[in-house]
Amino acid sequence: MNVITSPETVTAAAPAGALLLRVLDVRHYTDSLFSFRTTRPASFRFRSGEFVMIGLMVNGKPLFRAYSIASPSWDEELEFFSIKVLDGPLTSRLQKIKPGDEILMRQKATGTLVNDALVPGRRLYMLSTGTGIAPFASLIRDPETYEKFDEVVLTHTCRQVAELRYGIDLVEAIRGDEMLVELFDPGKLVHYPTTTRESYQRQGRITDLIRSGSLFADLGVPAFDPTVDRVMICGSMEMLRETKALVEEAGLAEGSNSRPAEFVIERAFVE
């Protein structure tokens, strides 16, 4: 099989330092969002929430971008959730993949949206916009997350209702999966989707909902408390800056792999 999405993206073997992944399934949610699953090399290890560099051969050269791994660390396959950019160097080609094709992946996974980067707490907020839900798709299927926290709140904000479908389907699948129910209590997971441009049961930017207190009122909990609450943030640069400021105002300190604390953000992006 070849890595092929257009005539100029063909390769017969992975370049040095990269692995070949065979595409198993592709799902298109909207004109701008799709997900895909691939094989997982037996040697590849990662922590739930980490990202990896994936790509294609373009004009004889490998082109990579950072993608969060949406599948949990125990999964035998790898899952990714991606935007589509019409003129994007990688995504304009990647969106055309189909089962049987192959893509490239660097062998090292990394990232800060991991349980190890947070000190223990009672409630974990996962605040996401758009494809920023991907690392949390991994973490909410990892039993360790529920061992470390009593409650997990996944927020997902998109412009249109259709863009929420990936997260909605994911949470429904978790709650209906007998194997996962045996591993952890899905009742600990709270899903909080919102839209910004189309009418929906909840509307508003997550930063506005935090600032107004609507998020906490809807959940029936107090505002951010550094003694019990932990926060992970993944989204656009603007969303990261604004949300980081809000949690810091609440007294939470930013953590890292080497120095765990109360909140973490992800800085790796696709186009």
C-alpha atoms as a PDB file:
ATOM      1  CA  MET A   1       0.000   0.000   0.000  1.00  0.00           C
ATOM      2  CA  ASN A   2       1.083   3.583  -0.577  1.00  0.00           C
ATOM      3  CA  VAL A   3       0.668   6.830   1.277  1.00  0.00           C
ATOM      4  CA  ILE A   4      -1.538   8.532  -1.261  1.00  0.00           C
ATOM      5  CA  THR A   5      -4.147  11.291  -1.149  1.00  0.00           C
ATOM      6  CA  SER A   6      -3.248  13.075  -4.355  1.00  0.00           C
ATOM      7  CA  PRO A   7      -0.785  12.483  -7.215  1.00  0.00           C
ATOM      8  CA  GLU A   8       1.958  14.424  -5.471  1.00  0.00           C
ATOM      9  CA  THR A   9       1.659  12.579  -2.119  1.00  0.00           C
ATOM     10  CA  VAL A  10       3.023   9.109  -2.726  1.00  0.00           C
ATOM     11  CA  THR A  11       5.608   7.033  -0.912  1.00  0.00           C
ATOM     12  CA  ALA A  12       6.515   3.349  -0.811  1.00  0.00           C
ATOM     13  CA  ALA A  13       8.282   3.410   2.559  1.00  0.00           C
ATOM     14  CA  ALA A  14       8.487   5.576   5.658  1.00  0.00           C
ATOM     15  CA  PRO A  15      11.415   8.009   5.922  1.00  0.00           C
ATOM     16  CA  ALA A  16      13.968   7.549   8.711  1.00  0.00           C
ATOM     17  CA  GLY A  17      12.502   8.057  12.164  1.00  0.00           C
ATOM     18  CA  ALA A  18       8.900   7.596  11.039  1.00  0.00           C
ATOM     19  CA  LEU A  19       6.374   4.774  11.118  1.00  0.00           C
ATOM     20  CA  LEU A  20       3.685   3.829   8.617  1.00  0.00           C
ATOM     21  CA  LEU A  21       0.087   3.673   9.839  1.00  0.00           C
ATOM     22  CA  ARG A  22      -2.621   1.999   7.768  1.00  0.00           C
ATOM     23  CA  VAL A  23      -5.926   3.867   7.698  1.00  0.00           C
ATOM     24  CA  LEU A  24      -8.789   1.692   8.973  1.00  0.00           C
ATOM     25  CA  ASP A  25     -11.755   4.052   9.093  1.00  0.00           C
ATOM     26  CA  VAL A  26     -12.590   7.640   8.099  1.00  0.00           C
ATOM     27  CA  ARG A  27     -15.645   9.631   9.222  1.00  0.00           C
ATOM     28  CA  HIS A  28     -16.557  13.060   7.872  1.00  0.00           C
ATOM     29  CA  TYR A  29     -18.703  15.090  10.266  1.00  0.00           C
ATOM     30  CA  THR A  30     -18.925  18.404   8.440  1.00  0.00           C
ATOM     31  CA  ASP A  31     -17.224  20.202   5.566  1.00  0.00           C
ATOM     32  CA  SER A  32     -14.533  21.219   8.051  1.00  0.00           C
ATOM     33  CA  LEU A  33     -14.186  18.256  10.461  1.00  0.00           C
ATOM     34  CA  PHE A  34     -13.333  14.567  10.135  1.00  0.00           C
ATOM     35  CA  SER A  35     -11.869  11.739  12.209  1.00  0.00           C
ATOM     36  CA  PHE A  36      -9.910   8.651  11.265  1.00  0.00           C
ATOM     37  CA  ARG A  37      -8.551   5.506  12.879  1.00  0.00           C
ATOM     38  CA  THR A  38      -5.324   3.736  11.997  1.00  0.00           C
ATOM     39  CA  THR A  39      -3.305   0.730  12.973  1.00  0.00           C
ATOM     40  CA  ARG A  40      -1.022   1.117  15.992  1.00  0.00           C
ATOM     41  CA  PRO A  41       2.570  -0.126  15.757  1.00  0.00           C
ATOM     42  CA  ALA A  42       3.321  -2.666  18.485  1.00  0.00           C
ATOM     43  CA  SER A  43       6.321  -0.621  19.620  1.00  0.00           C
ATOM     44  CA  PHE A  44       4.463   2.690  19.959  1.00  0.00           C
ATOM     45  CA  ARG A  45       3.776   3.881  23.515  1.00  0.00           C
ATOM     46  CA  PHE A  46       2.068   7.053  24.722  1.00  0.00           C
ATOM     47  CA  ARG A  47       0.178   8.505  27.659  1.00  0.00           C
ATOM     48  CA  SER A  48      -3.483   9.380  27.210  1.00  0.00           C
ATOM     49  CA  GLY A  49      -3.710  13.056  26.244  1.00  0.00           C
ATOM     50  CA  GLU A  50      -0.395  13.284  24.405  1.00  0.00           C
ATOM     51  CA  PHE A  51       0.143  14.399  20.810  1.00  0.00           C
ATOM     52  CA  VAL A  52       2.326  13.063  18.035  1.00  0.00           C
ATOM     53  CA  MET A  53       3.559  14.280  14.653  1.00  0.00           C
ATOM     54  CA  ILE A  54       1.664  12.718  11.750  1.00  0.00           C
ATOM     55  CA  GLY A  55       1.905  13.458   8.060  1.00  0.00           C
ATOM     56  CA  LEU A  56       2.271  12.516   4.425  1.00  0.00           C
ATOM     57  CA  MET A  57       4.936  12.545   1.745  1.00  0.00           C
ATOM     58  CA  VAL A  58       4.408  15.683  -0.346  1.00  0.00           C
ATOM     59  CA  ASN A  59       6.493  16.197  -3.480  1.00  0.00           C
ATOM     60  CA  GLY A  60       8.978  13.611  -2.268  1.00  0.00           C
ATOM     61  CA  LYS A  61       9.392  15.106   1.224  1.00  0.00           C
ATOM     62  CA  PRO A  62       7.678  14.253   4.521  1.00  0.00           C
ATOM     63  CA  LEU A  63       5.259  16.912   5.808  1.00  0.00           C
ATOM     64  CA  PHE A  64       4.282  16.606   9.473  1.00  0.00           C
ATOM     65  CA  ARG A  65       1.934  18.431  11.843  1.00  0.00           C
ATOM     66  CA  ALA A  66       1.161  17.925  15.535  1.00  0.00           C
ATOM     67  CA  TYR A  67      -2.041  15.969  16.232  1.00  0.00           C
ATOM     68  CA  SER A  68      -3.431  14.947  19.602  1.00  0.00           C
ATOM     69  CA  ILE A  69      -4.083  11.222  19.850  1.00  0.00           C
ATOM     70  CA  ALA A  70      -7.815  10.869  20.462  1.00  0.00           C
ATOM     71  CA  SER A  71      -7.701   7.191  21.444  1.00  0.00           C
ATOM     72  CA  PRO A  72      -6.714   6.135  24.994  1.00  0.00           C
ATOM     73  CA  SER A  73      -3.312   4.620  25.715  1.00  0.00           C
ATOM     74  CA  TRP A  74      -4.778   1.105  26.050  1.00  0.00           C
ATOM     75  CA  ASP A  75      -6.424   1.101  22.598  1.00  0.00           C
ATOM     76  CA  GLU A  76      -4.989  -1.245  19.968  1.00  0.00           C
ATOM     77  CA  GLU A  77      -5.726   1.374  17.281  1.00  0.00           C
ATOM     78  CA  LEU A  78      -4.942   5.088  16.982  1.00  0.00           C
ATOM     79  CA  GLU A  79      -7.618   7.728  16.479  1.00  0.00           C
ATOM     80  CA  PHE A  80      -7.304  11.344  15.328  1.00  0.00           C
ATOM     81  CA  PHE A  81      -9.779  14.221  14.965  1.00  0.00           C
ATOM     82  CA  SER A  82      -8.903  16.842  12.381  1.00  0.00           C
ATOM     83  CA  ILE A  83      -9.973  20.055  10.752  1.00  0.00           C
ATOM     84  CA  LYS A  84     -10.085  20.438   6.972  1.00  0.00           C
ATOM     85  CA  VAL A  85      -8.295  23.432   5.500  1.00  0.00           C
ATOM     86  CA  LEU A  86      -8.892  23.915   1.785  1.00  0.00           C
ATOM     87  CA  ASP A  87      -5.388  25.241   1.109  1.00  0.00           C
ATOM     88  CA  GLY A  88      -3.686  23.735   4.157  1.00  0.00           C
ATOM     89  CA  PRO A  89      -0.341  22.128   3.243  1.00  0.00           C
ATOM     90  CA  LEU A  90      -1.244  18.915   5.089  1.00  0.00           C
ATOM     91  CA  THR A  91      -4.975  18.908   5.826  1.00  0.00           C
ATOM     92  CA  SER A  92      -5.949  19.664   2.221  1.00  0.00           C
ATOM     93  CA  ARG A  93      -4.471  16.238   1.419  1.00  0.00           C
ATOM     94  CA  LEU A  94      -5.107  14.400   4.673  1.00  0.00           C
ATOM     95  CA  GLN A  95      -8.874  14.931   4.398  1.00  0.00           C
ATOM     96  CA  LYS A  96      -8.858  12.766   1.268  1.00  0.00           C
ATOM     97  CA  ILE A  97      -7.496   9.628   2.916  1.00  0.00           C
ATOM     98  CA  LYS A  98      -9.565   6.459   2.801  1.00  0.00           C
ATOM     99  CA  PRO A  99      -9.330   2.984   4.383  1.00  0.00           C
ATOM    100  CA  GLY A 100      -6.317   1.125   3.071  1.00  0.00           C
ATOM    101  CA  ASP A 101      -4.151   4.228   2.609  1.00  0.00           C
ATOM    102  CA  GLU A 102      -1.128   4.812   4.828  1.00  0.00           C
ATOM    103  CA  ILE A 103       0.098   7.886   6.656  1.00  0.00           C
ATOM    104  CA  LEU A 104       3.334   8.726   8.455  1.00  0.00           C
ATOM    105  CA  MET A 105       3.912   9.144  12.180  1.00  0.00           C
ATOM    106  CA  ARG A 106       6.955  10.155  14.174  1.00  0.00           C
ATOM    107  CA  GLN A 107       7.784   7.689  16.932  1.00  0.00           C
ATOM    108  CA  LYS A 108       7.786  10.076  19.915  1.00  0.00           C
ATOM    109  CA  ALA A 109       4.615  11.231  21.671  1.00  0.00           C
ATOM    110  CA  THR A 110       4.637  14.161  24.099  1.00  0.00           C
ATOM    111  CA  GLY A 111       2.387  16.819  25.613  1.00  0.00           C
ATOM    112  CA  THR A 112       1.167  18.470  28.797  1.00  0.00           C
ATOM    113  CA  LEU A 113      -2.486  17.390  28.769  1.00  0.00           C
ATOM    114  CA  VAL A 114      -1.766  14.300  30.835  1.00  0.00           C
ATOM    115  CA  ASN A 115      -2.861  13.226  34.295  1.00  0.00           C
ATOM    116  CA  ASP A 116       0.751  13.292  35.499  1.00  0.00           C
ATOM    117  CA  ALA A 117       0.931  17.086  35.013  1.00  0.00           C
ATOM    118  CA  LEU A 118      -1.805  17.738  37.586  1.00  0.00           C
ATOM    119  CA  VAL A 119      -1.788  17.339  41.336  1.00  0.00           C
ATOM    120  CA  PRO A 120      -4.694  15.291  42.741  1.00  0.00           C
ATOM    121  CA  GLY A 121      -8.049  17.030  43.056  1.00  0.00           C
ATOM    122  CA  ARG A 122     -11.765  16.408  43.326  1.00  0.00           C
ATOM    123  CA  ARG A 123     -13.049  17.758  40.000  1.00  0.00           C
ATOM    124  CA  LEU A 124     -11.308  17.884  36.612  1.00  0.00           C
ATOM    125  CA  TYR A 125     -12.458  20.381  33.989  1.00  0.00           C
ATOM    126  CA  MET A 126     -11.516  19.646  30.369  1.00  0.00           C
ATOM    127  CA  LEU A 127     -12.195  22.883  28.473  1.00  0.00           C
ATOM    128  CA  SER A 128     -12.117  22.520  24.693  1.00  0.00           C
ATOM    129  CA  THR A 129     -13.107  24.226  21.470  1.00  0.00           C
ATOM    130  CA  GLY A 130     -13.260  22.635  18.013  1.00  0.00           C
ATOM    131  CA  THR A 131     -10.734  19.851  17.501  1.00  0.00           C
ATOM    132  CA  GLY A 132      -9.292  20.713  20.906  1.00  0.00           C
ATOM    133  CA  ILE A 133     -11.550  17.957  22.219  1.00  0.00           C
ATOM    134  CA  ALA A 134      -9.172  15.337  20.781  1.00  0.00           C
ATOM    135  CA  PRO A 135      -6.810  14.871  23.769  1.00  0.00           C
ATOM    136  CA  PHE A 136      -9.823  14.750  26.066  1.00  0.00           C
ATOM    137  CA  ALA A 137     -11.372  12.046  23.883  1.00  0.00           C
ATOM    138  CA  SER A 138      -8.349  10.031  24.949  1.00  0.00           C
ATOM    139  CA  LEU A 139      -8.446  10.969  28.628  1.00  0.00           C
ATOM    140  CA  ILE A 140     -12.169  10.372  29.209  1.00  0.00           C
ATOM    141  CA  ARG A 141     -11.669   6.767  28.102  1.00  0.00           C
ATOM    142  CA  ASP A 142      -8.732   6.193  30.465  1.00  0.00           C
ATOM    143  CA  PRO A 143      -9.558   4.561  33.834  1.00  0.00           C
ATOM    144  CA  GLU A 144      -6.689   6.490  35.473  1.00  0.00           C
ATOM    145  CA  THR A 145      -8.609   9.739  34.976  1.00  0.00           C
ATOM    146  CA  TYR A 146     -11.494   8.454  37.096  1.00  0.00           C
ATOM    147  CA  GLU A 147      -9.153   7.009  39.696  1.00  0.00           C
ATOM    148  CA  LYS A 148      -7.602  10.438  40.178  1.00  0.00           C
ATOM    149  CA  PHE A 149     -10.788  12.559  40.105  1.00  0.00           C
ATOM    150  CA  ASP A 150     -14.294  12.166  41.517  1.00  0.00           C
ATOM    151  CA  GLU A 151     -15.894  14.146  38.679  1.00  0.00           C
ATOM    152  CA  VAL A 152     -14.795  14.932  35.125  1.00  0.00           C
ATOM    153  CA  VAL A 153     -16.414  17.841  33.270  1.00  0.00           C
ATOM    154  CA  LEU A 154     -15.859  17.905  29.509  1.00  0.00           C
ATOM    155  CA  THR A 155     -16.845  21.179  27.848  1.00  0.00           C
ATOM    156  CA  HIS A 156     -16.847  21.448  24.053  1.00  0.00           C
ATOM    157  CA  THR A 157     -17.649  24.698  22.267  1.00  0.00           C
ATOM    158  CA  CYS A 158     -18.138  24.950  18.496  1.00  0.00           C
ATOM    159  CA  ARG A 159     -19.765  27.394  16.108  1.00  0.00           C
ATOM    160  CA  GLN A 160     -22.421  25.030  14.710  1.00  0.00           C
ATOM    161  CA  VAL A 161     -24.420  22.175  16.246  1.00  0.00           C
ATOM    162  CA  ALA A 162     -23.117  19.684  13.657  1.00  0.00           C
ATOM    163  CA  GLU A 163     -19.568  20.364  14.845  1.00  0.00           C
ATOM    164  CA  LEU A 164     -20.474  18.980  18.278  1.00  0.00           C
ATOM    165  CA  ARG A 165     -21.339  15.551  16.851  1.00  0.00           C
ATOM    166  CA  TYR A 166     -17.928  13.959  17.410  1.00  0.00           C
ATOM    167  CA  GLY A 167     -18.072  14.673  21.142  1.00  0.00           C
ATOM    168  CA  ILE A 168     -21.723  13.729  21.480  1.00  0.00           C
ATOM    169  CA  ASP A 169     -21.170  10.382  19.751  1.00  0.00           C
ATOM    170  CA  LEU A 170     -18.073   9.749  21.844  1.00  0.00           C
ATOM    171  CA  VAL A 171     -19.777  10.295  25.191  1.00  0.00           C
ATOM    172  CA  GLU A 172     -22.780   8.187  24.159  1.00  0.00           C
ATOM    173  CA  ALA A 173     -20.445   5.384  23.080  1.00  0.00           C
ATOM    174  CA  ILE A 174     -18.601   5.467  26.410  1.00  0.00           C
ATOM    175  CA  ARG A 175     -21.802   5.214  28.391  1.00  0.00           C
ATOM    176  CA  GLY A 176     -22.982   2.311  26.258  1.00  0.00           C
ATOM    177  CA  ASP A 177     -19.708   0.361  26.243  1.00  0.00           C
ATOM    178  CA  GLU A 178     -19.937  -2.574  28.669  1.00  0.00           C
ATOM    179  CA  MET A 179     -16.158  -2.973  28.824  1.00  0.00           C
ATOM    180  CA  LEU A 180     -15.609   0.678  29.795  1.00  0.00           C
ATOM    181  CA  VAL A 181     -18.421   0.576  32.332  1.00  0.00           C
ATOM    182  CA  GLU A 182     -16.582  -2.280  34.040  1.00  0.00           C
ATOM    183  CA  LEU A 183     -13.373  -0.212  34.151  1.00  0.00           C
ATOM    184  CA  PHE A 184     -14.827   3.022  35.539  1.00  0.00           C
ATOM    185  CA  ASP A 185     -18.084   4.748  36.435  1.00  0.00           C
ATOM    186  CA  PRO A 186     -19.234   6.787  33.416  1.00  0.00           C
ATOM    187  CA  GLY A 187     -21.561   8.607  35.781  1.00  0.00           C
ATOM    188  CA  LYS A 188     -18.530  10.633  36.844  1.00  0.00           C
ATOM    189  CA  LEU A 189     -18.378  12.162  33.364  1.00  0.00           C
ATOM    190  CA  VAL A 190     -20.356  15.361  32.692  1.00  0.00           C
ATOM    191  CA  HIS A 191     -20.630  16.531  29.083  1.00  0.00           C
ATOM    192  CA  TYR A 192     -21.213  20.270  28.559  1.00  0.00           C
ATOM    193  CA  PRO A 193     -21.434  21.198  24.821  1.00  0.00           C
ATOM    194  CA  THR A 194     -22.171  24.763  23.684  1.00  0.00           C
ATOM    195  CA  THR A 195     -22.444  26.649  20.395  1.00  0.00           C
ATOM    196  CA  THR A 196     -21.554  30.221  19.484  1.00  0.00           C
ATOM    197  CA  ARG A 197     -23.297  30.826  16.144  1.00  0.00           C
ATOM    198  CA  GLU A 198     -26.271  28.467  16.006  1.00  0.00           C
ATOM    199  CA  SER A 199     -29.153  27.982  18.395  1.00  0.00           C
ATOM    200  CA  TYR A 200     -28.620  25.109  20.845  1.00  0.00           C
ATOM    201  CA  GLN A 201     -29.639  24.037  24.341  1.00  0.00           C
ATOM    202  CA  ARG A 202     -26.597  25.894  25.685  1.00  0.00           C
ATOM    203  CA  GLN A 203     -24.988  28.802  23.884  1.00  0.00           C
ATOM    204  CA  GLY A 204     -21.933  30.955  24.454  1.00  0.00           C
ATOM    205  CA  ARG A 205     -18.162  30.969  24.430  1.00  0.00           C
ATOM    206  CA  ILE A 206     -16.830  28.917  27.311  1.00  0.00           C
ATOM    207  CA  THR A 207     -14.847  31.902  28.552  1.00  0.00           C
ATOM    208  CA  ASP A 208     -18.018  34.002  28.740  1.00  0.00           C
ATOM    209  CA  LEU A 209     -19.835  31.190  30.543  1.00  0.00           C
ATOM    210  CA  ILE A 210     -17.009  30.953  33.078  1.00  0.00           C
ATOM    211  CA  ARG A 211     -16.848  34.711  33.562  1.00  0.00           C
ATOM    212  CA  SER A 212     -20.611  35.071  34.028  1.00  0.00           C
ATOM    213  CA  GLY A 213     -20.812  32.062  36.332  1.00  0.00           C
ATOM    214  CA  SER A 214     -23.282  30.300  34.030  1.00  0.00           C
ATOM    215  CA  LEU A 215     -21.045  27.231  33.695  1.00  0.00           C
ATOM    216  CA  PHE A 216     -20.952  26.675  37.439  1.00  0.00           C
ATOM    217  CA  ALA A 217     -24.645  27.451  37.900  1.00  0.00           C
ATOM    218  CA  ASP A 218     -25.557  24.916  35.212  1.00  0.00           C
ATOM    219  CA  LEU A 219     -23.377  22.291  36.876  1.00  0.00           C
ATOM    220  CA  GLY A 220     -24.551  23.142  40.369  1.00  0.00           C
ATOM    221  CA  VAL A 221     -21.025  23.636  41.692  1.00  0.00           C
ATOM    222  CA  PRO A 222     -18.992  26.572  43.087  1.00  0.00           C
ATOM    223  CA  ALA A 223     -16.634  28.581  40.873  1.00  0.00           C
ATOM    224  CA  PHE A 224     -13.061  27.375  40.344  1.00  0.00           C
ATOM    225  CA  ASP A 225     -11.419  26.505  43.653  1.00  0.00           C
ATOM    226  CA  PRO A 226      -7.670  25.734  43.604  1.00  0.00           C
ATOM    227  CA  THR A 227      -8.031  23.395  46.568  1.00  0.00           C
ATOM    228  CA  VAL A 228     -10.312  20.959  44.735  1.00  0.00           C
ATOM    229  CA  ASP A 229     -10.520  21.877  41.025  1.00  0.00           C
ATOM    230  CA  ARG A 230      -8.090  21.000  38.239  1.00  0.00           C
ATOM    231  CA  VAL A 231      -8.280  22.302  34.675  1.00  0.00           C
ATOM    232  CA  MET A 232      -7.007  21.198  31.262  1.00  0.00           C
ATOM    233  CA  ILE A 233      -7.382  23.599  28.323  1.00  0.00           C
ATOM    234  CA  CYS A 234      -7.143  22.931  24.581  1.00  0.00           C
ATOM    235  CA  GLY A 235      -8.365  25.158  21.764  1.00  0.00           C
ATOM    236  CA  SER A 236      -7.396  28.165  19.666  1.00  0.00           C
ATOM    237  CA  MET A 237      -4.610  30.512  20.741  1.00  0.00           C
ATOM    238  CA  GLU A 238      -7.155  33.168  21.690  1.00  0.00           C
ATOM    239  CA  MET A 239      -9.167  30.689  23.732  1.00  0.00           C
ATOM    240  CA  LEU A 240      -6.016  29.449  25.484  1.00  0.00           C
ATOM    241  CA  ARG A 241      -4.895  32.955  26.452  1.00  0.00           C
ATOM    242  CA  GLU A 242      -8.298  34.018  27.718  1.00  0.00           C
ATOM    243  CA  THR A 243      -9.080  30.814  29.609  1.00  0.00           C
ATOM    244  CA  LYS A 244      -5.622  30.684  31.154  1.00  0.00           C
ATOM    245  CA  ALA A 245      -6.124  34.198  32.501  1.00  0.00           C
ATOM    246  CA  LEU A 246      -9.476  33.217  34.008  1.00  0.00           C
ATOM    247  CA  VAL A 247      -8.157  30.156  35.856  1.00  0.00           C
ATOM    248  CA  GLU A 248      -5.115  32.078  37.071  1.00  0.00           C
ATOM    249  CA  GLU A 249      -7.429  34.795  38.397  1.00  0.00           C
ATOM    250  CA  ALA A 250      -9.165  32.018  40.341  1.00  0.00           C
ATOM    251  CA  GLY A 251      -5.858  31.120  41.984  1.00  0.00           C
ATOM    252  CA  LEU A 252      -4.875  28.016  40.007  1.00  0.00           C
ATOM    253  CA  ALA A 253      -1.196  27.575  39.089  1.00  0.00           C
ATOM    254  CA  GLU A 254       0.023  26.194  35.759  1.00  0.00           C
ATOM    255  CA  GLY A 255       1.609  22.760  35.882  1.00  0.00           C
ATOM    256  CA  SER A 256       3.881  20.676  33.688  1.00  0.00           C
ATOM    257  CA  ASN A 257       5.266  17.169  33.453  1.00  0.00           C
ATOM    258  CA  SER A 258       8.201  18.122  35.647  1.00  0.00           C
ATOM    259  CA  ARG A 259       6.180  20.242  38.082  1.00  0.00           C
ATOM    260  CA  PRO A 260       2.519  19.201  38.456  1.00  0.00           C
ATOM    261  CA  ALA A 261       0.059  21.887  39.564  1.00  0.00           C
ATOM    262  CA  GLU A 262      -3.615  22.879  39.200  1.00  0.00           C
ATOM    263  CA  PHE A 263      -4.012  23.511  35.450  1.00  0.00           C
ATOM    264  CA  VAL A 264      -2.326  22.776  32.124  1.00  0.00           C
ATOM    265  CA  ILE A 265      -2.721  23.959  28.531  1.00  0.00           C
ATOM    266  CA  GLU A 266      -1.713  22.462  25.184  1.00  0.00           C
ATOM    267  CA  ARG A 267       0.397  24.479  22.760  1.00  0.00           C
ATOM    268  CA  ALA A 268       0.553  22.120  19.777  1.00  0.00           C
ATOM    269  CA  PHE A 269      -1.703  22.886  16.817  1.00  0.00           C
ATOM    270  CA  VAL A 270      -2.740  21.724  13.405  1.00  0.00           C
ATOM    271  CA  GLU A 271      -2.666  24.458  10.707  1.00  0.00           C
END
